[in-house]
Amino acid sequence: MGPESVSSANGLGERLEFVKERGAKERYRPAKTFVVCNEPAERVRGPVRILPWNRFLEELWSDRIVS
């Protein structure tokens, strides 16, 4: 993976999924870390930005995720 880390989870099994993402972030040291999911609203949890899939695609296609 490049400088960004992108993961997908259906509904986010909250704690377990977040712990996995923290481990991946520490191992690969991406510039940005995202969790893309079916949740209705965006939020930030520590260094991880949690985005609804449609918002992620909108930002990706408009070059706000990877530039």
C-alpha atoms as a PDB file:
ATOM      1  CA  MET A   1       0.000   0.000   0.000  1.00  0.00           C
ATOM      2  CA  GLY A   2       1.076   3.585  -0.578  1.00  0.00           C
ATOM      3  CA  PRO A   3       1.180   6.389   1.991  1.00  0.00           C
ATOM      4  CA  GLU A   4      -2.543   6.012   2.688  1.00  0.00           C
ATOM      5  CA  SER A   5      -4.121   3.040   4.427  1.00  0.00           C
ATOM      6  CA  VAL A   6      -7.666   2.141   3.427  1.00  0.00           C
ATOM      7  CA  SER A   7      -9.747  -0.566   5.060  1.00  0.00           C
ATOM      8  CA  SER A   8     -13.335  -1.627   4.772  1.00  0.00           C
ATOM      9  CA  ALA A   9     -15.580  -3.023   7.492  1.00  0.00           C
ATOM     10  CA  ASN A  10     -19.319  -3.628   7.481  1.00  0.00           C
ATOM     11  CA  GLY A  11     -20.739  -1.800  10.514  1.00  0.00           C
ATOM     12  CA  LEU A  12     -17.366  -1.763  12.295  1.00  0.00           C
ATOM     13  CA  GLY A  13     -17.121  -4.404  14.954  1.00  0.00           C
ATOM     14  CA  GLU A  14     -16.071  -1.370  17.052  1.00  0.00           C
ATOM     15  CA  ARG A  15     -13.234  -2.285  19.363  1.00  0.00           C
ATOM     16  CA  LEU A  16     -11.805  -5.309  17.540  1.00  0.00           C
ATOM     17  CA  GLU A  17     -11.709  -3.606  14.137  1.00  0.00           C
ATOM     18  CA  PHE A  18     -10.206  -0.431  15.564  1.00  0.00           C
ATOM     19  CA  VAL A  19      -7.447  -2.373  17.313  1.00  0.00           C
ATOM     20  CA  LYS A  20      -6.603  -4.089  14.010  1.00  0.00           C
ATOM     21  CA  GLU A  21      -6.411  -0.701  12.275  1.00  0.00           C
ATOM     22  CA  ARG A  22      -4.132   0.723  14.958  1.00  0.00           C
ATOM     23  CA  GLY A  23      -1.821  -2.252  14.498  1.00  0.00           C
ATOM     24  CA  ALA A  24      -1.732  -1.755  10.723  1.00  0.00           C
ATOM     25  CA  LYS A  25      -1.071   1.975  11.130  1.00  0.00           C
ATOM     26  CA  GLU A  26       1.831   1.333  13.496  1.00  0.00           C
ATOM     27  CA  ARG A  27       3.286  -1.352  11.209  1.00  0.00           C
ATOM     28  CA  TYR A  28       3.031   0.499   7.859  1.00  0.00           C
ATOM     29  CA  ARG A  29       3.117   4.139   9.067  1.00  0.00           C
ATOM     30  CA  PRO A  30       0.727   5.620   6.449  1.00  0.00           C
ATOM     31  CA  ALA A  31       0.325   9.392   6.138  1.00  0.00           C
ATOM     32  CA  LYS A  32      -3.465   9.006   6.493  1.00  0.00           C
ATOM     33  CA  THR A  33      -5.602   6.186   7.857  1.00  0.00           C
ATOM     34  CA  PHE A  34      -9.228   5.554   6.886  1.00  0.00           C
ATOM     35  CA  VAL A  35     -11.894   3.042   7.747  1.00  0.00           C
ATOM     36  CA  VAL A  36     -14.584   2.917   5.047  1.00  0.00           C
ATOM     37  CA  CYS A  37     -17.895   1.511   6.239  1.00  0.00           C
ATOM     38  CA  ASN A  38     -21.688   1.589   6.055  1.00  0.00           C
ATOM     39  CA  GLU A  39     -22.104   3.916   9.026  1.00  0.00           C
ATOM     40  CA  PRO A  40     -24.209   7.008   8.306  1.00  0.00           C
ATOM     41  CA  ALA A  41     -21.872   9.698   9.657  1.00  0.00           C
ATOM     42  CA  GLU A  42     -18.185  10.524   9.509  1.00  0.00           C
ATOM     43  CA  ARG A  43     -16.150  10.579  12.699  1.00  0.00           C
ATOM     44  CA  VAL A  44     -12.555  10.600  13.849  1.00  0.00           C
ATOM     45  CA  ARG A  45     -11.198   8.196  16.424  1.00  0.00           C
ATOM     46  CA  GLY A  46      -7.624   8.995  17.309  1.00  0.00           C
ATOM     47  CA  PRO A  47      -5.576   9.129  14.103  1.00  0.00           C
ATOM     48  CA  VAL A  48      -8.207   7.150  12.143  1.00  0.00           C
ATOM     49  CA  ARG A  49     -10.837   8.872  10.026  1.00  0.00           C
ATOM     50  CA  ILE A  50     -13.987   6.745   9.773  1.00  0.00           C
ATOM     51  CA  LEU A  51     -15.995   7.517   6.634  1.00  0.00           C
ATOM     52  CA  PRO A  52     -19.240   6.310   5.081  1.00  0.00           C
ATOM     53  CA  TRP A  53     -18.401   4.603   1.789  1.00  0.00           C
ATOM     54  CA  ASN A  54     -20.188   7.189  -0.354  1.00  0.00           C
ATOM     55  CA  ARG A  55     -18.353  10.096   1.295  1.00  0.00           C
ATOM     56  CA  PHE A  56     -15.033   8.286   0.852  1.00  0.00           C
ATOM     57  CA  LEU A  57     -15.663   7.753  -2.872  1.00  0.00           C
ATOM     58  CA  GLU A  58     -16.721  11.370  -3.322  1.00  0.00           C
ATOM     59  CA  GLU A  59     -13.487  12.582  -1.718  1.00  0.00           C
ATOM     60  CA  LEU A  60     -11.374  10.007  -3.546  1.00  0.00           C
ATOM     61  CA  TRP A  61     -12.733  10.976  -6.956  1.00  0.00           C
ATOM     62  CA  SER A  62     -12.236  14.686  -6.243  1.00  0.00           C
ATOM     63  CA  ASP A  63      -8.560  14.059  -5.274  1.00  0.00           C
ATOM     64  CA  ARG A  64      -8.986  14.953  -1.592  1.00  0.00           C
ATOM     65  CA  ILE A  65      -7.855  11.517  -0.335  1.00  0.00           C
ATOM     66  CA  VAL A  66      -4.812  10.921  -2.532  1.00  0.00           C
ATOM     67  CA  SER A  67      -3.182  13.903  -4.157  1.00  0.00           C
END
